[in-house]
Amino acid sequence: MAVLNRNSNRLQYLVSASGYEDENGDYHPGEDHWEGDIPCDAVPSGKADEKEFEDGVTRKYSYEVYNLPPDCRNFTIGDRVKLILLGGIEREFNVKGFHRYQLQCKIWV
C-alpha cells in the first residue's frame, strides 16, 4: 500500500551574527550559519511565474514552498533560505514573498 509522504522537503534559513570591534578598534564581521530544519513541500513553478506580493511589487519566483507549520518563524522579503529537496539536493534562494494561513504558511522563492 502506498503512503503519501507529505512534507518531504526541508527548509533552512541563514542567520547572520552581528560583527564586533576588538580593543584595537578593528571590525570583525559576524559569521553566517544555517538554522532550522522545517518540514515543507516545494513545487517548482515550471516557468518564471510572476505574482504581486503583499508589498505591491510583482516578482518572478521559482518555487512555491508550502505546508510550513503554522507556528514557523516569519520570513521577510530578501531572507536567504536553503531548500533541501528529495535526494539531498540543496538549492539556495531569496524569499520573494511570505503568507501565513490558518493551518499552514507559504513562501515564494
N, C-alpha and C. Protein backbone atom coordinates (compact mmCIF):
# COMPACT_ATOMS: atom_id res chain seq x y z
N MET A 1 0.84 -1.17 0.00
CA MET A 1 0.00 0.00 0.00
C MET A 1 0.89 1.24 0.00
N ALA A 2 0.61 2.15 -0.89
CA ALA A 2 1.38 3.39 -1.00
C ALA A 2 0.93 4.38 0.06
N VAL A 3 1.87 5.10 0.60
CA VAL A 3 1.58 6.12 1.60
C VAL A 3 2.08 7.45 1.07
N LEU A 4 1.23 8.44 1.12
CA LEU A 4 1.60 9.76 0.67
C LEU A 4 2.57 10.38 1.66
N ASN A 5 3.72 10.79 1.18
CA ASN A 5 4.73 11.40 2.04
C ASN A 5 4.63 12.91 1.92
N ARG A 6 3.90 13.52 2.82
CA ARG A 6 3.80 14.97 2.83
C ARG A 6 5.00 15.53 3.57
N ASN A 7 5.32 16.74 3.26
CA ASN A 7 6.46 17.42 3.88
C ASN A 7 7.75 16.65 3.63
N SER A 8 7.98 16.30 2.38
CA SER A 8 9.15 15.51 2.04
C SER A 8 10.42 16.34 1.88
N ASN A 9 10.31 17.67 1.94
CA ASN A 9 11.47 18.54 1.80
C ASN A 9 11.74 19.25 3.13
N ARG A 10 12.88 19.91 3.21
CA ARG A 10 13.27 20.65 4.41
C ARG A 10 13.69 22.05 4.02
N LEU A 11 13.46 22.99 4.92
CA LEU A 11 13.82 24.38 4.69
C LEU A 11 14.71 24.86 5.83
N GLN A 12 15.80 25.52 5.48
CA GLN A 12 16.69 26.15 6.46
C GLN A 12 16.81 27.62 6.11
N TYR A 13 17.18 28.44 7.08
CA TYR A 13 17.32 29.87 6.85
C TYR A 13 18.67 30.35 7.37
N LEU A 14 19.20 31.36 6.70
CA LEU A 14 20.53 31.89 7.02
C LEU A 14 20.42 32.91 8.13
N VAL A 15 21.25 32.74 9.16
CA VAL A 15 21.30 33.67 10.28
C VAL A 15 22.67 34.33 10.26
N SER A 16 22.67 35.65 10.26
CA SER A 16 23.92 36.41 10.25
C SER A 16 24.17 36.96 11.64
N ALA A 17 25.30 36.59 12.22
CA ALA A 17 25.68 37.12 13.52
C ALA A 17 26.24 38.52 13.32
N SER A 18 25.98 39.40 14.25
CA SER A 18 26.48 40.77 14.11
C SER A 18 27.99 40.79 14.35
N GLY A 19 28.65 41.72 13.72
CA GLY A 19 30.09 41.87 13.87
C GLY A 19 30.43 42.61 15.16
N TYR A 20 31.71 42.73 15.41
CA TYR A 20 32.14 43.41 16.63
C TYR A 20 33.48 44.10 16.38
N GLU A 21 33.80 45.07 17.24
CA GLU A 21 35.09 45.73 17.21
C GLU A 21 35.91 45.24 18.39
N ASP A 22 37.16 44.89 18.12
CA ASP A 22 38.03 44.45 19.21
C ASP A 22 38.63 45.67 19.92
N GLU A 23 39.49 45.43 20.90
CA GLU A 23 40.05 46.52 21.70
C GLU A 23 40.94 47.45 20.88
N ASN A 24 41.42 47.01 19.71
CA ASN A 24 42.22 47.87 18.83
C ASN A 24 41.35 48.70 17.89
N GLY A 25 40.05 48.47 17.91
CA GLY A 25 39.15 49.20 17.04
C GLY A 25 38.95 48.56 15.68
N ASP A 26 39.50 47.34 15.52
CA ASP A 26 39.34 46.62 14.26
C ASP A 26 37.98 45.92 14.24
N TYR A 27 37.30 46.06 13.10
CA TYR A 27 35.98 45.44 12.95
C TYR A 27 36.14 44.00 12.46
N HIS A 28 35.41 43.10 13.08
CA HIS A 28 35.39 41.69 12.68
C HIS A 28 33.95 41.33 12.32
N PRO A 29 33.72 40.97 11.05
CA PRO A 29 32.34 40.62 10.66
C PRO A 29 31.86 39.35 11.35
N GLY A 30 30.57 39.28 11.57
CA GLY A 30 29.99 38.09 12.18
C GLY A 30 29.95 36.95 11.18
N GLU A 31 29.78 35.76 11.69
CA GLU A 31 29.74 34.59 10.82
C GLU A 31 28.29 34.22 10.51
N ASP A 32 28.05 33.77 9.28
CA ASP A 32 26.74 33.31 8.87
C ASP A 32 26.64 31.81 9.11
N HIS A 33 25.46 31.36 9.50
CA HIS A 33 25.25 29.92 9.66
C HIS A 33 23.78 29.61 9.37
N TRP A 34 23.53 28.36 8.97
CA TRP A 34 22.18 27.91 8.65
C TRP A 34 21.52 27.35 9.90
N GLU A 35 20.25 27.70 10.09
CA GLU A 35 19.46 27.18 11.21
C GLU A 35 18.15 26.63 10.68
N GLY A 36 17.51 25.84 11.51
CA GLY A 36 16.20 25.32 11.20
C GLY A 36 16.25 24.03 10.41
N ASP A 37 15.22 23.28 10.55
CA ASP A 37 15.00 22.05 9.79
C ASP A 37 13.48 21.92 9.65
N ILE A 38 12.91 22.86 8.91
CA ILE A 38 11.47 23.00 8.83
C ILE A 38 10.92 22.07 7.75
N PRO A 39 10.03 21.15 8.10
CA PRO A 39 9.43 20.29 7.08
C PRO A 39 8.50 21.09 6.18
N CYS A 40 8.51 20.76 4.88
CA CYS A 40 7.70 21.51 3.92
C CYS A 40 7.54 20.70 2.64
N ASP A 41 6.75 21.22 1.75
CA ASP A 41 6.62 20.71 0.39
C ASP A 41 7.00 21.85 -0.54
N ALA A 42 7.69 21.52 -1.63
CA ALA A 42 8.10 22.54 -2.59
C ALA A 42 7.70 22.10 -3.98
N VAL A 43 7.12 23.04 -4.72
CA VAL A 43 6.67 22.76 -6.08
C VAL A 43 7.33 23.78 -7.00
N PRO A 44 8.09 23.32 -8.00
CA PRO A 44 8.67 24.28 -8.94
C PRO A 44 7.57 24.92 -9.78
N SER A 45 7.80 26.16 -10.16
CA SER A 45 6.77 26.88 -10.91
C SER A 45 6.66 26.38 -12.35
N GLY A 46 7.69 25.71 -12.86
CA GLY A 46 7.65 25.20 -14.22
C GLY A 46 8.08 26.22 -15.25
N LYS A 47 7.93 27.48 -14.92
CA LYS A 47 8.39 28.59 -15.75
C LYS A 47 8.58 29.77 -14.81
N ALA A 48 9.02 30.85 -15.32
CA ALA A 48 9.24 32.02 -14.48
C ALA A 48 7.90 32.69 -14.20
N ASP A 49 7.15 32.15 -13.25
CA ASP A 49 5.86 32.72 -12.88
C ASP A 49 6.07 34.05 -12.16
N GLU A 50 5.07 34.90 -12.26
CA GLU A 50 5.09 36.19 -11.58
C GLU A 50 3.88 36.28 -10.66
N LYS A 51 4.07 37.01 -9.56
CA LYS A 51 2.99 37.21 -8.61
C LYS A 51 3.18 38.58 -7.98
N GLU A 52 2.07 39.25 -7.71
CA GLU A 52 2.14 40.51 -6.97
C GLU A 52 2.07 40.17 -5.49
N PHE A 53 3.08 40.58 -4.74
CA PHE A 53 3.18 40.24 -3.33
C PHE A 53 2.62 41.34 -2.46
N GLU A 54 2.63 41.10 -1.14
CA GLU A 54 1.96 41.99 -0.19
C GLU A 54 2.51 43.41 -0.18
N ASP A 55 3.74 43.61 -0.67
CA ASP A 55 4.29 44.96 -0.71
C ASP A 55 3.94 45.69 -2.01
N GLY A 56 3.12 45.04 -2.87
CA GLY A 56 2.66 45.66 -4.10
C GLY A 56 3.59 45.51 -5.29
N VAL A 57 4.72 44.80 -5.10
CA VAL A 57 5.70 44.61 -6.16
C VAL A 57 5.48 43.25 -6.82
N THR A 58 5.54 43.22 -8.15
CA THR A 58 5.43 41.96 -8.88
C THR A 58 6.82 41.38 -9.08
N ARG A 59 7.00 40.12 -8.62
CA ARG A 59 8.30 39.45 -8.72
C ARG A 59 8.13 38.08 -9.36
N LYS A 60 9.20 37.63 -10.01
CA LYS A 60 9.23 36.27 -10.55
C LYS A 60 9.71 35.33 -9.45
N TYR A 61 9.16 34.12 -9.42
CA TYR A 61 9.58 33.15 -8.42
C TYR A 61 9.80 31.79 -9.09
N SER A 62 10.61 30.94 -8.46
CA SER A 62 10.95 29.63 -8.99
C SER A 62 10.21 28.49 -8.31
N TYR A 63 9.97 28.63 -6.99
CA TYR A 63 9.32 27.58 -6.21
C TYR A 63 8.26 28.18 -5.31
N GLU A 64 7.18 27.43 -5.10
CA GLU A 64 6.23 27.70 -4.02
C GLU A 64 6.53 26.68 -2.94
N VAL A 65 6.83 27.16 -1.76
CA VAL A 65 7.12 26.28 -0.63
C VAL A 65 5.94 26.40 0.32
N TYR A 66 5.22 25.29 0.50
CA TYR A 66 4.00 25.33 1.31
C TYR A 66 4.02 24.20 2.33
N ASN A 67 2.95 24.11 3.10
CA ASN A 67 2.82 23.17 4.22
C ASN A 67 3.87 23.42 5.29
N LEU A 68 4.35 24.66 5.39
CA LEU A 68 5.19 25.03 6.52
C LEU A 68 4.31 25.05 7.76
N PRO A 69 4.81 24.66 8.92
CA PRO A 69 3.97 24.68 10.13
C PRO A 69 3.41 26.08 10.39
N PRO A 70 2.19 26.16 10.91
CA PRO A 70 1.58 27.48 11.12
C PRO A 70 2.31 28.32 12.16
N ASP A 71 3.14 27.70 13.00
CA ASP A 71 3.87 28.45 14.02
C ASP A 71 5.34 28.68 13.64
N CYS A 72 5.66 28.55 12.35
CA CYS A 72 7.05 28.78 11.93
C CYS A 72 7.39 30.27 12.05
N ARG A 73 8.64 30.57 11.96
CA ARG A 73 9.09 31.96 12.07
C ARG A 73 8.57 32.79 10.90
N ASN A 74 8.55 34.09 11.06
CA ASN A 74 8.16 34.98 9.97
C ASN A 74 9.35 35.15 9.03
N PHE A 75 9.10 35.01 7.76
CA PHE A 75 10.13 35.26 6.75
C PHE A 75 9.83 36.62 6.13
N THR A 76 10.86 37.37 5.84
CA THR A 76 10.70 38.66 5.20
C THR A 76 11.32 38.61 3.81
N ILE A 77 10.88 39.50 2.96
CA ILE A 77 11.39 39.56 1.60
C ILE A 77 12.89 39.81 1.65
N GLY A 78 13.64 38.98 0.94
CA GLY A 78 15.10 39.11 0.90
C GLY A 78 15.83 38.14 1.80
N ASP A 79 15.12 37.48 2.74
CA ASP A 79 15.76 36.47 3.58
C ASP A 79 16.38 35.39 2.70
N ARG A 80 17.51 34.86 3.11
CA ARG A 80 18.18 33.79 2.37
C ARG A 80 17.75 32.46 2.98
N VAL A 81 17.25 31.54 2.13
CA VAL A 81 16.82 30.22 2.59
C VAL A 81 17.47 29.14 1.75
N LYS A 82 17.57 27.96 2.35
CA LYS A 82 18.10 26.80 1.65
C LYS A 82 17.00 25.75 1.62
N LEU A 83 16.68 25.27 0.44
CA LEU A 83 15.67 24.25 0.25
C LEU A 83 16.38 22.92 0.02
N ILE A 84 16.10 21.93 0.86
CA ILE A 84 16.70 20.61 0.72
C ILE A 84 15.64 19.69 0.16
N LEU A 85 15.84 19.30 -1.10
CA LEU A 85 14.87 18.50 -1.84
C LEU A 85 15.15 17.02 -1.67
N LEU A 86 14.27 16.19 -2.22
CA LEU A 86 14.49 14.74 -2.19
C LEU A 86 15.82 14.41 -2.84
N GLY A 87 16.50 13.42 -2.33
CA GLY A 87 17.79 13.02 -2.88
C GLY A 87 18.94 13.87 -2.35
N GLY A 88 18.68 14.74 -1.39
CA GLY A 88 19.73 15.56 -0.81
C GLY A 88 20.14 16.76 -1.64
N ILE A 89 19.38 17.10 -2.66
CA ILE A 89 19.69 18.26 -3.50
C ILE A 89 19.42 19.53 -2.71
N GLU A 90 20.41 20.42 -2.66
CA GLU A 90 20.26 21.67 -1.93
C GLU A 90 20.26 22.84 -2.91
N ARG A 91 19.31 23.76 -2.72
CA ARG A 91 19.23 24.96 -3.55
C ARG A 91 19.02 26.15 -2.62
N GLU A 92 19.71 27.23 -2.92
CA GLU A 92 19.58 28.45 -2.12
C GLU A 92 18.79 29.49 -2.89
N PHE A 93 17.93 30.21 -2.16
CA PHE A 93 17.05 31.21 -2.77
C PHE A 93 16.92 32.41 -1.85
N ASN A 94 16.43 33.51 -2.42
CA ASN A 94 15.97 34.66 -1.65
C ASN A 94 14.45 34.58 -1.57
N VAL A 95 13.91 34.92 -0.43
CA VAL A 95 12.45 34.91 -0.25
C VAL A 95 11.85 36.07 -1.04
N LYS A 96 10.85 35.76 -1.84
CA LYS A 96 10.14 36.77 -2.64
C LYS A 96 8.84 37.19 -1.97
N GLY A 97 8.25 36.27 -1.19
CA GLY A 97 7.00 36.58 -0.50
C GLY A 97 6.71 35.53 0.56
N PHE A 98 5.92 35.92 1.55
CA PHE A 98 5.56 35.04 2.67
C PHE A 98 4.12 35.31 3.04
N HIS A 99 3.36 34.25 3.31
CA HIS A 99 1.98 34.41 3.76
C HIS A 99 1.66 33.35 4.80
N ARG A 100 1.02 33.80 5.88
CA ARG A 100 0.62 32.89 6.96
C ARG A 100 -0.88 32.64 6.83
N TYR A 101 -1.24 31.37 6.67
CA TYR A 101 -2.64 30.96 6.64
C TYR A 101 -3.01 30.39 8.00
N GLN A 102 -4.25 29.94 8.16
CA GLN A 102 -4.70 29.42 9.45
C GLN A 102 -3.99 28.11 9.80
N LEU A 103 -3.81 27.21 8.83
CA LEU A 103 -3.25 25.89 9.11
C LEU A 103 -1.87 25.66 8.52
N GLN A 104 -1.34 26.62 7.79
CA GLN A 104 -0.02 26.46 7.18
C GLN A 104 0.54 27.83 6.82
N CYS A 105 1.81 27.85 6.44
CA CYS A 105 2.45 29.06 5.90
C CYS A 105 3.00 28.71 4.53
N LYS A 106 3.18 29.75 3.72
CA LYS A 106 3.68 29.54 2.37
C LYS A 106 4.69 30.64 2.07
N ILE A 107 5.78 30.26 1.40
CA ILE A 107 6.73 31.26 0.90
C ILE A 107 6.97 31.02 -0.58
N TRP A 108 7.33 32.08 -1.25
CA TRP A 108 7.69 32.01 -2.66
C TRP A 108 9.15 32.39 -2.75
N VAL A 109 9.92 31.56 -3.46
CA VAL A 109 11.37 31.81 -3.59
C VAL A 109 11.76 31.82 -5.06
